[in-house]
Amino acid sequence: MIPLIVTAAVIRDGDAILITRRPQESRHGGMWEFPGGKLDAGESPQECLSREILEELGLEVAVESIFEIAYHRYEWGPVLILAFECRVLNGEIRHIGISDHRWVSPEEMRLYDILPADRPIIAKLLKSV
């Protein structure tokens, strides 16, 4: 089965990193993740991430270098996550496509119910602390 390709943003504010909570009615509702979303046909991963962050959070971001690539197989199928370093250019965080957000250190992420597919990103963040 071909994996679903998704993008994720590593957005920093000093030592804190942005995580968002999935709406209850969504797949994996109530779990925390790095913001981002599914790649649409015909768009680059960078375009996808810019679009998703604007649609879900109301933020304009600069998508910078790739941070991590992670693969995970859920019961419903595999996902391939392309995580990029991102920098906020404009806007205030709004809860458009999310139910909540937090700025947390990599160590504090262990206290949150993070999507399993995002855990390799956290592992890399912990190594770079």
N, C-alpha and C. Protein backbone atom coordinates (compact mmCIF):
# COMPACT_ATOMS: atom_id res chain seq x y z
N MET A 1 0.84 -1.18 0.00
CA MET A 1 0.00 0.00 0.00
C MET A 1 0.88 1.24 0.00
N ILE A 2 0.56 2.20 -0.84
CA ILE A 2 1.30 3.46 -0.92
C ILE A 2 0.98 4.30 0.30
N PRO A 3 2.00 4.85 0.98
CA PRO A 3 1.71 5.65 2.17
C PRO A 3 1.06 6.99 1.83
N LEU A 4 0.26 7.47 2.76
CA LEU A 4 -0.30 8.81 2.69
C LEU A 4 0.84 9.77 3.02
N ILE A 5 1.09 10.75 2.17
CA ILE A 5 2.17 11.70 2.41
C ILE A 5 1.59 12.92 3.12
N VAL A 6 2.16 13.22 4.27
CA VAL A 6 1.72 14.37 5.05
C VAL A 6 2.93 15.23 5.41
N THR A 7 2.65 16.49 5.67
CA THR A 7 3.70 17.42 6.08
C THR A 7 3.47 17.83 7.52
N ALA A 8 4.54 18.23 8.19
CA ALA A 8 4.46 18.69 9.57
C ALA A 8 5.42 19.86 9.74
N ALA A 9 5.01 20.81 10.58
CA ALA A 9 5.81 22.01 10.83
C ALA A 9 6.45 21.95 12.20
N VAL A 10 7.74 22.23 12.25
CA VAL A 10 8.44 22.44 13.50
C VAL A 10 8.62 23.95 13.61
N ILE A 11 7.72 24.56 14.40
CA ILE A 11 7.71 26.02 14.57
C ILE A 11 8.22 26.32 15.97
N ARG A 12 9.27 27.11 16.06
CA ARG A 12 9.90 27.39 17.35
C ARG A 12 9.63 28.81 17.82
N ASP A 13 9.57 28.93 19.14
CA ASP A 13 9.54 30.23 19.81
C ASP A 13 10.52 30.09 20.96
N GLY A 14 11.77 30.48 20.71
CA GLY A 14 12.82 30.22 21.69
C GLY A 14 13.04 28.72 21.79
N ASP A 15 12.95 28.19 23.02
CA ASP A 15 13.12 26.76 23.24
C ASP A 15 11.82 25.98 23.10
N ALA A 16 10.71 26.68 22.93
CA ALA A 16 9.40 26.03 22.84
C ALA A 16 9.05 25.74 21.38
N ILE A 17 8.28 24.67 21.20
CA ILE A 17 7.85 24.23 19.87
C ILE A 17 6.33 24.10 19.88
N LEU A 18 5.71 24.50 18.79
CA LEU A 18 4.26 24.48 18.69
C LEU A 18 3.73 23.07 18.42
N ILE A 19 2.77 22.65 19.25
CA ILE A 19 2.00 21.44 18.97
C ILE A 19 0.53 21.83 18.98
N THR A 20 -0.27 21.08 18.23
CA THR A 20 -1.70 21.39 18.14
C THR A 20 -2.51 20.13 18.45
N ARG A 21 -3.73 20.36 18.89
CA ARG A 21 -4.62 19.24 19.24
C ARG A 21 -5.66 19.04 18.14
N ARG A 22 -5.83 17.80 17.74
CA ARG A 22 -6.79 17.46 16.69
C ARG A 22 -8.21 17.62 17.23
N PRO A 23 -9.13 18.11 16.39
CA PRO A 23 -10.53 18.20 16.81
C PRO A 23 -11.07 16.82 17.18
N GLN A 24 -11.96 16.77 18.16
CA GLN A 24 -12.52 15.50 18.64
C GLN A 24 -13.16 14.69 17.52
N GLU A 25 -13.81 15.35 16.57
CA GLU A 25 -14.54 14.63 15.51
C GLU A 25 -13.64 14.10 14.40
N SER A 26 -12.35 14.40 14.43
CA SER A 26 -11.43 13.94 13.38
C SER A 26 -10.84 12.58 13.74
N ARG A 27 -10.19 11.95 12.75
CA ARG A 27 -9.46 10.71 13.02
C ARG A 27 -8.39 11.02 14.06
N HIS A 28 -8.24 10.18 15.04
CA HIS A 28 -7.31 10.40 16.16
C HIS A 28 -7.67 11.66 16.95
N GLY A 29 -8.96 11.95 17.04
CA GLY A 29 -9.44 13.15 17.72
C GLY A 29 -8.94 13.27 19.14
N GLY A 30 -8.54 14.48 19.50
CA GLY A 30 -8.05 14.79 20.84
C GLY A 30 -6.57 14.57 21.02
N MET A 31 -5.91 13.94 20.06
CA MET A 31 -4.47 13.71 20.18
C MET A 31 -3.71 14.96 19.72
N TRP A 32 -2.48 15.06 20.18
CA TRP A 32 -1.61 16.19 19.85
C TRP A 32 -0.69 15.81 18.71
N GLU A 33 -0.27 16.83 17.94
CA GLU A 33 0.59 16.61 16.79
C GLU A 33 1.33 17.89 16.43
N PHE A 34 2.27 17.75 15.53
CA PHE A 34 2.87 18.93 14.91
C PHE A 34 1.90 19.38 13.83
N PRO A 35 1.66 20.68 13.70
CA PRO A 35 0.68 21.12 12.70
C PRO A 35 1.13 20.79 11.29
N GLY A 36 0.17 20.58 10.41
CA GLY A 36 0.45 20.24 9.02
C GLY A 36 -0.73 19.51 8.43
N GLY A 37 -0.48 18.74 7.37
CA GLY A 37 -1.58 18.01 6.77
C GLY A 37 -1.20 17.28 5.51
N LYS A 38 -2.24 16.75 4.86
CA LYS A 38 -2.08 15.89 3.69
C LYS A 38 -1.67 16.66 2.44
N LEU A 39 -0.77 16.06 1.70
CA LEU A 39 -0.31 16.59 0.43
C LEU A 39 -1.40 16.40 -0.62
N ASP A 40 -1.78 17.47 -1.30
CA ASP A 40 -2.75 17.39 -2.39
C ASP A 40 -2.01 17.14 -3.70
N ALA A 41 -2.70 16.55 -4.66
CA ALA A 41 -2.11 16.30 -5.98
C ALA A 41 -1.64 17.61 -6.60
N GLY A 42 -0.46 17.59 -7.15
CA GLY A 42 0.06 18.75 -7.87
C GLY A 42 0.74 19.80 -7.02
N GLU A 43 0.81 19.61 -5.70
CA GLU A 43 1.50 20.62 -4.88
C GLU A 43 2.77 20.02 -4.27
N SER A 44 3.74 20.89 -4.05
CA SER A 44 4.97 20.45 -3.41
C SER A 44 4.73 20.32 -1.91
N PRO A 45 5.59 19.59 -1.20
CA PRO A 45 5.44 19.52 0.25
C PRO A 45 5.46 20.90 0.92
N GLN A 46 6.30 21.78 0.41
CA GLN A 46 6.39 23.13 0.98
C GLN A 46 5.09 23.91 0.77
N GLU A 47 4.51 23.80 -0.44
CA GLU A 47 3.23 24.46 -0.71
C GLU A 47 2.13 23.88 0.18
N CYS A 48 2.15 22.57 0.35
CA CYS A 48 1.17 21.91 1.21
C CYS A 48 1.25 22.43 2.63
N LEU A 49 2.46 22.51 3.16
CA LEU A 49 2.62 22.93 4.55
C LEU A 49 2.20 24.38 4.73
N SER A 50 2.56 25.25 3.81
CA SER A 50 2.13 26.66 3.88
C SER A 50 0.61 26.75 3.88
N ARG A 51 -0.03 26.00 2.98
CA ARG A 51 -1.49 26.01 2.87
C ARG A 51 -2.14 25.48 4.14
N GLU A 52 -1.67 24.35 4.63
CA GLU A 52 -2.25 23.73 5.81
C GLU A 52 -2.14 24.63 7.05
N ILE A 53 -1.00 25.25 7.25
CA ILE A 53 -0.80 26.12 8.41
C ILE A 53 -1.72 27.34 8.32
N LEU A 54 -1.88 27.87 7.13
CA LEU A 54 -2.80 29.00 6.94
C LEU A 54 -4.24 28.56 7.19
N GLU A 55 -4.64 27.41 6.63
CA GLU A 55 -6.01 26.92 6.78
C GLU A 55 -6.36 26.53 8.22
N GLU A 56 -5.41 25.93 8.93
CA GLU A 56 -5.69 25.42 10.27
C GLU A 56 -5.43 26.42 11.39
N LEU A 57 -4.42 27.29 11.20
CA LEU A 57 -3.98 28.18 12.27
C LEU A 57 -4.08 29.67 11.93
N GLY A 58 -4.27 30.00 10.66
CA GLY A 58 -4.30 31.39 10.26
C GLY A 58 -2.94 32.06 10.25
N LEU A 59 -1.88 31.27 10.15
CA LEU A 59 -0.52 31.81 10.13
C LEU A 59 0.10 31.68 8.75
N GLU A 60 0.83 32.72 8.35
CA GLU A 60 1.69 32.62 7.17
C GLU A 60 3.06 32.21 7.67
N VAL A 61 3.62 31.17 7.04
CA VAL A 61 4.93 30.68 7.46
C VAL A 61 5.89 30.59 6.28
N ALA A 62 7.16 30.69 6.60
CA ALA A 62 8.22 30.38 5.64
C ALA A 62 8.62 28.94 5.92
N VAL A 63 8.51 28.09 4.92
CA VAL A 63 8.91 26.69 5.06
C VAL A 63 10.38 26.62 4.71
N GLU A 64 11.17 26.17 5.68
CA GLU A 64 12.62 26.18 5.50
C GLU A 64 13.14 24.76 5.27
N SER A 65 14.19 24.36 5.94
CA SER A 65 14.82 23.07 5.65
C SER A 65 14.04 21.89 6.22
N ILE A 66 14.26 20.74 5.59
CA ILE A 66 13.65 19.51 6.08
C ILE A 66 14.29 19.19 7.43
N PHE A 67 13.47 18.80 8.40
CA PHE A 67 13.96 18.48 9.74
C PHE A 67 14.04 16.97 9.95
N GLU A 68 13.00 16.26 9.52
CA GLU A 68 12.95 14.81 9.72
C GLU A 68 11.96 14.19 8.74
N ILE A 69 12.20 12.95 8.40
CA ILE A 69 11.26 12.15 7.60
C ILE A 69 10.92 10.94 8.45
N ALA A 70 9.63 10.69 8.64
CA ALA A 70 9.20 9.58 9.51
C ALA A 70 8.15 8.74 8.80
N TYR A 71 8.20 7.44 9.04
CA TYR A 71 7.24 6.50 8.48
C TYR A 71 6.55 5.81 9.64
N HIS A 72 5.22 5.66 9.52
CA HIS A 72 4.46 4.94 10.55
C HIS A 72 3.31 4.21 9.88
N ARG A 73 3.02 3.02 10.38
CA ARG A 73 1.88 2.26 9.86
C ARG A 73 0.80 2.22 10.93
N TYR A 74 -0.32 2.91 10.64
CA TYR A 74 -1.50 2.84 11.48
C TYR A 74 -2.33 1.64 11.05
N GLU A 75 -3.35 1.31 11.83
CA GLU A 75 -4.25 0.20 11.47
C GLU A 75 -4.98 0.48 10.17
N TRP A 76 -5.18 1.75 9.83
CA TRP A 76 -5.89 2.12 8.60
C TRP A 76 -4.94 2.28 7.41
N GLY A 77 -3.61 2.30 7.65
CA GLY A 77 -2.66 2.42 6.55
C GLY A 77 -1.40 3.17 6.94
N PRO A 78 -0.42 3.18 6.03
CA PRO A 78 0.86 3.83 6.33
C PRO A 78 0.85 5.33 6.01
N VAL A 79 1.69 6.08 6.76
CA VAL A 79 1.90 7.50 6.49
C VAL A 79 3.39 7.77 6.42
N LEU A 80 3.74 8.71 5.56
CA LEU A 80 5.11 9.20 5.45
C LEU A 80 5.04 10.68 5.79
N ILE A 81 5.74 11.08 6.85
CA ILE A 81 5.70 12.48 7.31
C ILE A 81 6.97 13.18 6.90
N LEU A 82 6.80 14.32 6.27
CA LEU A 82 7.91 15.20 5.91
C LEU A 82 7.82 16.40 6.84
N ALA A 83 8.71 16.46 7.82
CA ALA A 83 8.69 17.54 8.81
C ALA A 83 9.72 18.59 8.43
N PHE A 84 9.27 19.84 8.38
CA PHE A 84 10.12 20.96 7.99
C PHE A 84 10.23 21.97 9.13
N GLU A 85 11.39 22.59 9.23
CA GLU A 85 11.53 23.77 10.08
C GLU A 85 10.72 24.88 9.42
N CYS A 86 9.94 25.61 10.22
CA CYS A 86 9.14 26.72 9.69
C CYS A 86 9.30 27.94 10.58
N ARG A 87 9.12 29.09 9.98
CA ARG A 87 9.22 30.36 10.69
C ARG A 87 7.96 31.16 10.42
N VAL A 88 7.35 31.69 11.48
CA VAL A 88 6.13 32.49 11.32
C VAL A 88 6.49 33.82 10.69
N LEU A 89 5.76 34.16 9.63
CA LEU A 89 5.94 35.44 8.96
C LEU A 89 4.89 36.46 9.38
N ASN A 90 3.65 35.97 9.57
CA ASN A 90 2.55 36.89 9.80
C ASN A 90 1.38 36.13 10.43
N GLY A 91 0.64 36.83 11.28
CA GLY A 91 -0.59 36.27 11.83
C GLY A 91 -0.50 35.91 13.30
N GLU A 92 -1.65 35.67 13.86
CA GLU A 92 -1.81 35.21 15.24
C GLU A 92 -2.45 33.83 15.17
N ILE A 93 -2.08 32.94 16.06
CA ILE A 93 -2.65 31.59 16.04
C ILE A 93 -4.14 31.66 16.31
N ARG A 94 -4.89 31.06 15.39
CA ARG A 94 -6.34 30.91 15.56
C ARG A 94 -6.67 29.42 15.49
N HIS A 95 -7.70 29.03 16.18
CA HIS A 95 -8.12 27.62 16.19
C HIS A 95 -9.17 27.41 15.11
N ILE A 96 -8.71 27.35 13.86
CA ILE A 96 -9.60 27.17 12.71
C ILE A 96 -9.83 25.68 12.46
N GLY A 97 -8.75 24.92 12.33
CA GLY A 97 -8.85 23.50 12.07
C GLY A 97 -8.25 22.67 13.19
N ILE A 98 -8.06 23.29 14.35
CA ILE A 98 -7.50 22.61 15.52
C ILE A 98 -8.40 22.93 16.71
N SER A 99 -8.25 22.14 17.79
CA SER A 99 -9.05 22.44 18.98
C SER A 99 -8.25 23.16 20.06
N ASP A 100 -6.90 23.10 19.97
CA ASP A 100 -6.08 23.77 20.97
C ASP A 100 -4.64 23.81 20.46
N HIS A 101 -3.81 24.57 21.16
CA HIS A 101 -2.38 24.60 20.84
C HIS A 101 -1.58 24.85 22.11
N ARG A 102 -0.33 24.46 22.08
CA ARG A 102 0.59 24.69 23.19
C ARG A 102 1.98 24.95 22.64
N TRP A 103 2.74 25.75 23.34
CA TRP A 103 4.17 25.92 23.10
C TRP A 103 4.87 25.13 24.20
N VAL A 104 5.59 24.09 23.83
CA VAL A 104 6.20 23.21 24.82
C VAL A 104 7.64 22.87 24.43
N SER A 105 8.42 22.53 25.43
CA SER A 105 9.79 22.06 25.16
C SER A 105 9.72 20.61 24.68
N PRO A 106 10.76 20.13 24.02
CA PRO A 106 10.76 18.73 23.61
C PRO A 106 10.56 17.77 24.80
N GLU A 107 11.14 18.10 25.95
CA GLU A 107 10.98 17.25 27.13
C GLU A 107 9.52 17.22 27.59
N GLU A 108 8.83 18.33 27.51
CA GLU A 108 7.43 18.41 27.95
C GLU A 108 6.49 17.64 27.02
N MET A 109 6.92 17.39 25.79
CA MET A 109 6.06 16.67 24.84
C MET A 109 5.69 15.28 25.34
N ARG A 110 6.51 14.72 26.22
CA ARG A 110 6.22 13.39 26.79
C ARG A 110 4.95 13.40 27.62
N LEU A 111 4.52 14.57 28.07
CA LEU A 111 3.32 14.70 28.90
C LEU A 111 2.04 14.74 28.07
N TYR A 112 2.18 14.82 26.76
CA TYR A 112 1.03 14.94 25.86
C TYR A 112 0.81 13.64 25.09
N ASP A 113 -0.44 13.38 24.75
CA ASP A 113 -0.80 12.21 23.96
C ASP A 113 -0.54 12.54 22.49
N ILE A 114 0.71 12.36 22.07
CA ILE A 114 1.16 12.73 20.72
C ILE A 114 0.89 11.58 19.77
N LEU A 115 0.49 11.91 18.54
CA LEU A 115 0.30 10.88 17.52
C LEU A 115 1.55 10.01 17.38
N PRO A 116 1.39 8.69 17.30
CA PRO A 116 2.56 7.81 17.16
C PRO A 116 3.45 8.17 15.97
N ALA A 117 2.85 8.61 14.87
CA ALA A 117 3.65 8.94 13.68
C ALA A 117 4.58 10.13 13.92
N ASP A 118 4.25 10.99 14.89
CA ASP A 118 5.07 12.17 15.17
C ASP A 118 6.20 11.90 16.16
N ARG A 119 6.19 10.74 16.78
CA ARG A 119 7.19 10.46 17.83
C ARG A 119 8.64 10.48 17.34
N PRO A 120 8.95 10.04 16.11
CA PRO A 120 10.34 10.16 15.65
C PRO A 120 10.81 11.62 15.55
N ILE A 121 9.90 12.53 15.29
CA ILE A 121 10.25 13.96 15.25
C ILE A 121 10.64 14.42 16.64
N ILE A 122 9.88 13.98 17.63
CA ILE A 122 10.20 14.33 19.03
C ILE A 122 11.56 13.74 19.41
N ALA A 123 11.81 12.50 19.01
CA ALA A 123 13.09 11.86 19.33
C ALA A 123 14.25 12.68 18.77
N LYS A 124 14.10 13.17 17.56
CA LYS A 124 15.18 13.98 16.97
C LYS A 124 15.31 15.31 17.69
N LEU A 125 14.18 15.93 18.08
CA LEU A 125 14.24 17.17 18.85
C LEU A 125 14.96 16.96 20.17
N LEU A 126 14.70 15.85 20.83
CA LEU A 126 15.36 15.56 22.12
C LEU A 126 16.87 15.37 21.95
N LYS A 127 17.29 14.81 20.83
CA LYS A 127 18.71 14.63 20.57
C LYS A 127 19.42 15.95 20.34
N SER A 128 18.67 16.95 19.85
CA SER A 128 19.31 18.24 19.51
C SER A 128 19.24 19.24 20.67
N VAL A 129 18.68 18.81 21.80
CA VAL A 129 18.59 19.72 22.97
C VAL A 129 19.91 19.79 23.68
